[in-house]
Protein backbone atom coordinates (compact mmCIF):
# COMPACT_ATOMS: atom_id res chain seq x y z
CA MET A 1 0.00 0.00 0.00
CA SER A 2 1.14 3.53 -0.75
CA THR A 3 -0.43 6.78 0.39
CA PHE A 4 0.66 8.29 -2.94
CA TRP A 5 -2.25 6.67 -4.80
CA GLN A 6 -5.03 6.82 -2.24
CA ASP A 7 -6.50 10.19 -3.22
CA LYS A 8 -5.53 10.23 -6.90
CA ARG A 9 -7.69 9.70 -9.96
CA VAL A 10 -5.58 7.75 -12.45
CA CYS A 11 -6.24 7.30 -16.18
CA VAL A 12 -4.41 4.34 -17.73
CA THR A 13 -4.68 4.32 -21.52
CA GLY A 14 -4.18 0.81 -22.81
CA GLY A 15 -5.12 -0.37 -19.32
CA ALA A 16 -7.05 -3.35 -20.66
CA GLY A 17 -4.06 -4.62 -22.65
CA PHE A 18 -1.17 -6.93 -21.87
CA LEU A 19 1.02 -4.48 -19.94
CA GLY A 20 -1.88 -2.25 -18.92
CA SER A 21 -3.71 -5.02 -17.07
CA ALA A 22 -0.59 -5.67 -15.01
CA VAL A 23 -0.16 -1.96 -14.27
CA VAL A 24 -3.80 -1.61 -13.17
CA ALA A 25 -3.45 -4.62 -10.86
CA LYS A 26 -0.34 -3.06 -9.28
CA LEU A 27 -2.17 0.23 -8.79
CA TYR A 28 -5.02 -1.45 -6.92
CA GLN A 29 -2.45 -3.29 -4.78
CA ARG A 30 -0.86 0.09 -3.98
CA GLY A 31 -4.15 1.51 -2.75
CA ALA A 32 -5.46 3.37 -5.81
CA LYS A 33 -9.25 3.57 -5.72
CA GLU A 34 -10.17 5.59 -8.81
CA ILE A 35 -8.64 4.07 -11.96
CA PHE A 36 -10.16 4.93 -15.33
CA VAL A 37 -9.40 2.51 -18.18
CA PRO A 38 -10.67 3.79 -21.55
CA ARG A 39 -11.66 1.17 -24.11
CA SER A 40 -10.81 1.64 -27.79
CA SER A 41 -14.43 0.91 -28.69
CA GLN A 42 -15.44 4.05 -26.78
CA TYR A 43 -12.46 6.37 -27.29
CA ASN A 44 -10.36 6.61 -30.46
CA LEU A 45 -7.28 8.28 -29.01
CA VAL A 46 -6.03 9.29 -32.46
CA GLU A 47 -8.91 11.81 -32.53
CA GLY A 48 -8.57 14.99 -30.49
CA ALA A 49 -12.29 15.15 -29.72
CA ASP A 50 -12.19 11.67 -28.20
CA ILE A 51 -9.20 12.66 -26.04
CA ASP A 52 -11.16 15.67 -24.80
CA ARG A 53 -14.09 13.41 -23.95
CA LEU A 54 -11.76 10.95 -22.21
CA LEU A 55 -10.31 13.69 -20.02
CA ASP A 56 -13.81 15.04 -19.30
CA ASP A 57 -14.93 11.58 -18.21
CA SER A 58 -11.85 10.61 -16.19
CA GLN A 59 -10.79 13.96 -14.65
CA PRO A 60 -7.34 12.50 -13.91
CA ASP A 61 -4.69 13.69 -11.51
CA LEU A 62 -2.21 11.38 -13.24
CA VAL A 63 -2.14 9.82 -16.73
CA ILE A 64 -0.19 6.67 -17.56
CA HIS A 65 -0.10 6.44 -21.36
CA LEU A 66 0.35 2.81 -22.41
CA ALA A 67 -1.95 2.70 -25.44
CA ALA A 68 -0.07 1.99 -28.66
CA GLN A 69 -0.39 0.30 -32.02
CA VAL A 70 2.37 -2.30 -31.86
CA GLY A 71 3.61 -5.50 -33.46
CA GLY A 72 6.63 -7.55 -34.42
CA ILE A 73 8.92 -7.13 -37.44
CA GLY A 74 6.29 -8.38 -39.88
CA ALA A 75 3.59 -6.00 -38.67
CA ASN A 76 6.02 -3.06 -38.65
CA ARG A 77 7.04 -3.78 -42.25
CA GLU A 78 3.44 -4.01 -43.45
CA HIS A 79 2.02 -1.00 -41.58
CA PRO A 80 4.79 1.62 -41.19
CA ALA A 81 2.55 4.60 -41.97
CA GLU A 82 -0.24 3.45 -39.63
CA PHE A 83 2.22 2.74 -36.82
CA PHE A 84 3.81 6.18 -37.22
CA TYR A 85 0.59 8.18 -37.46
CA SER A 86 -1.44 6.37 -34.80
CA ASN A 87 1.28 6.36 -32.15
CA LEU A 88 2.35 9.95 -32.81
CA MET A 89 -1.16 11.38 -32.78
CA MET A 90 -2.24 9.46 -29.69
CA GLY A 91 0.72 10.48 -27.59
CA VAL A 92 1.34 14.06 -28.66
CA GLN A 93 -2.31 15.13 -28.44
CA LEU A 94 -2.88 13.35 -25.13
CA MET A 95 0.14 14.95 -23.48
CA HIS A 96 -0.74 18.39 -24.85
CA LYS A 97 -4.33 18.22 -23.66
CA ALA A 98 -3.26 16.82 -20.28
CA TRP A 99 -0.97 19.84 -19.86
CA GLN A 100 -3.77 22.21 -20.94
CA ARG A 101 -6.07 20.78 -18.28
CA GLY A 102 -3.52 20.91 -15.48
CA VAL A 103 -3.06 17.17 -15.03
CA GLY A 104 -0.54 16.73 -12.20
CA LYS A 105 1.69 14.13 -13.84
CA PHE A 106 2.02 12.37 -17.19
CA VAL A 107 3.84 9.05 -17.55
CA ALA A 108 4.82 8.40 -21.18
CA ILE A 109 5.87 4.90 -22.18
CA GLY A 110 8.41 4.83 -24.99
CA THR A 111 9.96 1.83 -26.72
CA ILE A 112 13.31 0.13 -27.12
CA CYS A 113 12.75 0.64 -30.87
CA ALA A 114 13.60 4.31 -30.36
CA TYR A 115 17.29 3.46 -29.98
CA PRO A 116 19.64 3.77 -32.98
CA LYS A 117 20.25 0.59 -34.99
CA PHE A 118 23.90 0.49 -33.95
CA THR A 119 23.89 1.59 -30.32
CA PRO A 120 26.90 0.68 -28.14
CA LEU A 121 26.09 -2.02 -25.60
CA PRO A 122 24.64 -1.82 -23.07
CA PHE A 123 22.18 0.81 -24.37
CA LYS A 124 22.58 3.98 -22.30
CA GLU A 125 19.85 6.60 -22.33
CA GLU A 126 22.30 9.32 -23.41
CA ASP A 127 22.90 7.39 -26.68
CA LEU A 128 19.29 7.72 -27.88
CA TRP A 129 20.24 10.37 -30.45
CA ILE A 130 23.48 9.01 -31.95
CA GLY A 131 21.85 7.44 -35.02
CA TYR A 132 18.75 6.30 -36.88
CA PRO A 133 16.65 3.39 -35.54
CA GLU A 134 16.60 -0.04 -37.16
CA GLU A 135 14.70 0.41 -40.43
CA THR A 136 11.92 -2.15 -39.94
CA ASN A 137 10.59 -0.44 -36.82
CA ALA A 138 11.86 3.13 -37.25
CA PRO A 139 8.44 4.73 -37.94
CA TYR A 140 7.03 3.28 -34.73
CA GLY A 141 10.17 3.97 -32.72
CA LEU A 142 10.45 7.58 -33.85
CA ALA A 143 6.76 8.30 -33.24
CA LYS A 144 7.16 7.14 -29.64
CA LYS A 145 10.47 9.00 -29.33
CA MET A 146 8.72 12.30 -30.02
CA LEU A 147 7.04 11.93 -26.61
CA LEU A 148 10.48 12.32 -25.06
CA VAL A 149 11.06 15.53 -27.01
CA GLN A 150 7.61 16.76 -26.01
CA SER A 151 8.10 15.81 -22.37
CA GLN A 152 11.36 17.72 -22.13
CA ALA A 153 10.01 20.73 -24.05
CA TYR A 154 6.85 20.96 -21.94
CA ARG A 155 8.84 20.67 -18.72
CA GLN A 156 11.25 23.39 -19.89
CA GLN A 157 8.60 25.86 -21.05
CA TYR A 158 5.60 25.04 -18.86
CA GLY A 159 7.02 23.17 -15.86
CA PHE A 160 4.81 20.21 -16.79
CA ASN A 161 5.65 17.09 -14.77
CA SER A 162 5.98 14.37 -17.39
CA ILE A 163 8.34 11.38 -17.37
CA TYR A 164 9.49 9.04 -20.15
CA LEU A 165 10.23 5.35 -19.64
CA LEU A 166 11.80 2.91 -22.11
CA PRO A 167 10.75 -0.69 -21.46
CA VAL A 168 12.65 -3.42 -23.25
CA ASN A 169 10.78 -6.27 -25.04
CA LEU A 170 8.08 -7.63 -22.72
CA TYR A 171 6.77 -11.16 -22.28
CA GLY A 172 4.53 -13.07 -19.92
CA PRO A 173 1.06 -14.56 -19.43
CA GLY A 174 -1.58 -12.73 -21.46
CA ASP A 175 0.84 -11.75 -24.23
CA ASN A 176 -0.30 -11.35 -27.85
CA PHE A 177 -0.06 -14.73 -29.60
CA ASN A 178 -1.57 -13.59 -32.91
CA PRO A 179 0.98 -14.74 -35.54
CA ASP A 180 0.32 -11.64 -37.64
CA SER A 181 1.38 -9.18 -34.94
CA SER A 182 3.11 -11.03 -32.08
CA HIS A 183 6.65 -10.45 -30.88
CA VAL A 184 9.34 -13.10 -30.82
CA ILE A 185 8.66 -14.93 -27.54
CA PRO A 186 4.92 -15.55 -28.02
CA ALA A 187 5.52 -16.30 -31.71
CA LEU A 188 8.07 -19.00 -30.86
CA ILE A 189 5.99 -20.42 -28.00
CA LYS A 190 3.00 -20.72 -30.32
CA LYS A 191 5.08 -22.39 -33.04
CA CYS A 192 6.57 -24.93 -30.64
CA VAL A 193 3.37 -25.79 -28.77
CA ASP A 194 1.26 -25.98 -31.94
CA ALA A 195 3.89 -28.04 -33.78
CA GLN A 196 4.12 -30.41 -30.83
CA ALA A 197 0.33 -30.84 -30.78
CA ALA A 198 0.23 -31.43 -34.55
CA GLY A 199 3.22 -33.77 -34.62
CA GLN A 200 5.19 -31.49 -36.95
CA GLU A 201 8.84 -32.43 -37.39
CA GLU A 202 10.17 -28.89 -37.80
CA ILE A 203 9.40 -25.24 -37.11
CA ILE A 204 10.57 -22.21 -39.07
CA ALA A 205 12.24 -19.32 -37.23
CA TRP A 206 12.95 -15.94 -38.81
CA GLY A 207 16.46 -14.74 -39.66
CA ASP A 208 19.68 -16.55 -38.77
CA GLY A 209 19.42 -16.54 -34.97
CA SER A 210 22.39 -14.23 -34.44
CA PRO A 211 20.67 -11.07 -33.10
CA THR A 212 20.44 -10.64 -29.35
CA ARG A 213 17.55 -9.36 -27.29
CA GLU A 214 16.72 -8.52 -23.70
CA PHE A 215 13.36 -9.37 -22.18
CA LEU A 216 11.41 -8.10 -19.18
CA TYR A 217 8.60 -10.02 -17.51
CA VAL A 218 5.34 -8.09 -17.73
CA ASP A 219 4.79 -7.88 -13.96
CA ASP A 220 8.32 -6.53 -13.50
CA ALA A 221 7.64 -3.87 -16.15
CA ALA A 222 4.41 -2.90 -14.43
CA GLU A 223 6.24 -2.59 -11.10
CA GLY A 224 8.86 -0.34 -12.71
CA ILE A 225 6.19 1.92 -14.21
CA VAL A 226 4.33 2.24 -10.91
CA MET A 227 7.55 2.91 -8.97
CA ALA A 228 8.58 5.61 -11.46
CA SER A 229 5.11 7.14 -11.28
CA GLU A 230 5.47 7.43 -7.51
CA HIS A 231 9.10 8.44 -7.14
CA TYR A 232 10.55 9.89 -10.37
CA ASN A 233 9.93 13.48 -11.42
CA GLY A 234 12.29 14.32 -14.26
CA SER A 235 12.21 14.30 -18.06
CA GLU A 236 15.44 12.40 -18.63
CA PRO A 237 14.56 9.05 -20.23
CA VAL A 238 14.89 5.90 -18.11
CA ASN A 239 15.39 2.34 -19.32
CA LEU A 240 13.32 -0.46 -17.80
CA GLY A 241 14.91 -3.85 -18.36
CA SER A 242 16.49 -6.94 -16.86
CA GLY A 243 20.04 -6.20 -18.01
CA GLN A 244 20.36 -9.75 -19.44
CA GLU A 245 21.11 -10.42 -23.12
CA ILE A 246 20.24 -13.61 -25.04
CA SER A 247 20.66 -14.53 -28.73
CA ILE A 248 17.57 -15.42 -30.75
CA LYS A 249 19.16 -18.83 -31.43
CA ASP A 250 19.58 -19.52 -27.71
CA LEU A 251 16.11 -18.14 -27.02
CA THR A 252 14.56 -20.46 -29.62
CA GLU A 253 16.38 -23.48 -28.22
CA THR A 254 15.34 -22.52 -24.67
CA ILE A 255 11.69 -22.18 -25.64
CA ALA A 256 11.81 -25.51 -27.46
CA ALA A 257 13.21 -27.10 -24.29
CA VAL A 258 10.66 -25.43 -22.00
CA THR A 259 7.76 -26.51 -24.23
CA GLY A 260 9.19 -30.00 -24.74
CA TYR A 261 9.35 -29.63 -28.53
CA THR A 262 12.01 -31.95 -29.97
CA GLY A 263 11.67 -31.30 -33.72
CA ARG A 264 14.12 -29.49 -35.99
CA LEU A 265 14.63 -25.73 -35.79
CA VAL A 266 14.96 -24.34 -39.34
CA TRP A 267 16.17 -20.78 -39.92
CA ASP A 268 14.59 -18.79 -42.75
CA THR A 269 17.39 -16.39 -43.63
CA SER A 270 15.21 -14.65 -46.24
CA LYS A 271 13.43 -13.01 -43.29
CA PRO A 272 14.94 -9.95 -41.56
CA ASN A 273 16.96 -10.22 -38.37
CA GLY A 274 15.94 -6.81 -37.05
CA GLN A 275 18.30 -4.83 -34.83
CA PRO A 276 21.63 -6.71 -34.38
CA ARG A 277 21.83 -6.50 -30.57
CA ARG A 278 19.77 -5.18 -27.68
CA CYS A 279 20.79 -4.97 -24.06
CA LEU A 280 20.03 -2.10 -21.71
CA ASP A 281 21.98 -0.26 -19.08
CA VAL A 282 19.47 -0.33 -16.21
CA THR A 283 21.51 1.79 -13.76
CA ARG A 284 19.23 4.84 -13.83
CA ALA A 285 16.07 2.93 -12.86
CA LYS A 286 17.84 1.36 -9.88
CA GLU A 287 19.50 4.56 -8.70
CA TRP A 288 16.66 7.01 -9.40
CA PHE A 289 13.65 5.07 -8.13
CA GLY A 290 14.87 1.69 -6.88
CA PHE A 291 13.64 -0.60 -9.67
CA GLU A 292 15.24 -3.99 -10.34
CA ALA A 293 13.71 -6.87 -12.32
CA GLN A 294 12.85 -9.89 -10.16
CA MET A 295 11.57 -12.71 -12.40
CA PRO A 296 14.15 -15.35 -13.45
CA PHE A 297 13.94 -15.68 -17.25
CA GLU A 298 13.28 -19.42 -17.54
CA GLU A 299 10.62 -19.27 -14.81
CA GLY A 300 8.93 -16.43 -16.67
CA LEU A 301 8.99 -18.50 -19.87
CA LYS A 302 7.45 -21.49 -18.07
CA ARG A 303 4.58 -19.32 -16.79
CA THR A 304 4.03 -17.88 -20.27
CA VAL A 305 3.99 -21.34 -21.88
CA ALA A 306 1.55 -22.59 -19.24
CA TRP A 307 -0.76 -19.63 -19.92
CA TYR A 308 -0.70 -20.27 -23.67
CA ARG A 309 -1.43 -23.98 -23.27
CA GLU A 310 -4.40 -23.12 -21.09
CA HIS A 311 -5.81 -20.53 -23.49
CA ARG A 312 -4.85 -21.77 -26.97
CA GLY A 313 -8.21 -23.46 -27.60
């Protein structure tokens, strides 16, 4: 429980989604009583009029902006214009209107895709501007990166209390397992479990397996967001991650082992690898508001696999 939340009205955009559901659960655990979760069927956050109506209805003291149009490499390649426009318009208008209405604090959630394609490892927040993002997800990454520019500009000119967090790739129970838009962990879990059930002798994985990624369990990410909302009041960007790097090849083999799939793993090198390496420097989050990831990676995978088996029907 935290006295910080007890008298605050909180609006969590995307609060019904994968990460949002975990954040809302953490907020209730902390003692929040008034949490407004807008549904996309009622509020199209790309439209300014709908944002006005959302703020009229929720009257928030604090906004946590998680809503986004997201997907894996395939979805980013097929919908670059949509991903750019939707994410830019949602975030920029929402922050602007929150400032206009005197909202006390705005928590903007960025993306690891905002980092340059060739960022020195581990990724440090001060290196966000040393190059262009990886091409397949640059429109999405840059749209979300503009919230950092806006946050810093609005703090400088207006004294608006907005913060900007950069979560690494998330995974966990309740993830998106749609093969058209899923990220790598749910995509591989689905392939392995479905192939096992169908008796298939091989699965196809994208690329050559050489890129590396870092992953953060969804409940850990939610904890980091809530801790930052309580304790961090600056516009310098902050990474949220586990600080552990794994190659896609090792990840695929680990997921096959966790699911019990024993067939062949075939690499389709005609498909893109994406960014060569990703691993975050997580020093700021620990030093500035005390966040450290807790979930061991293989245990998190086991819980995610168990959730998918239960819900795949």
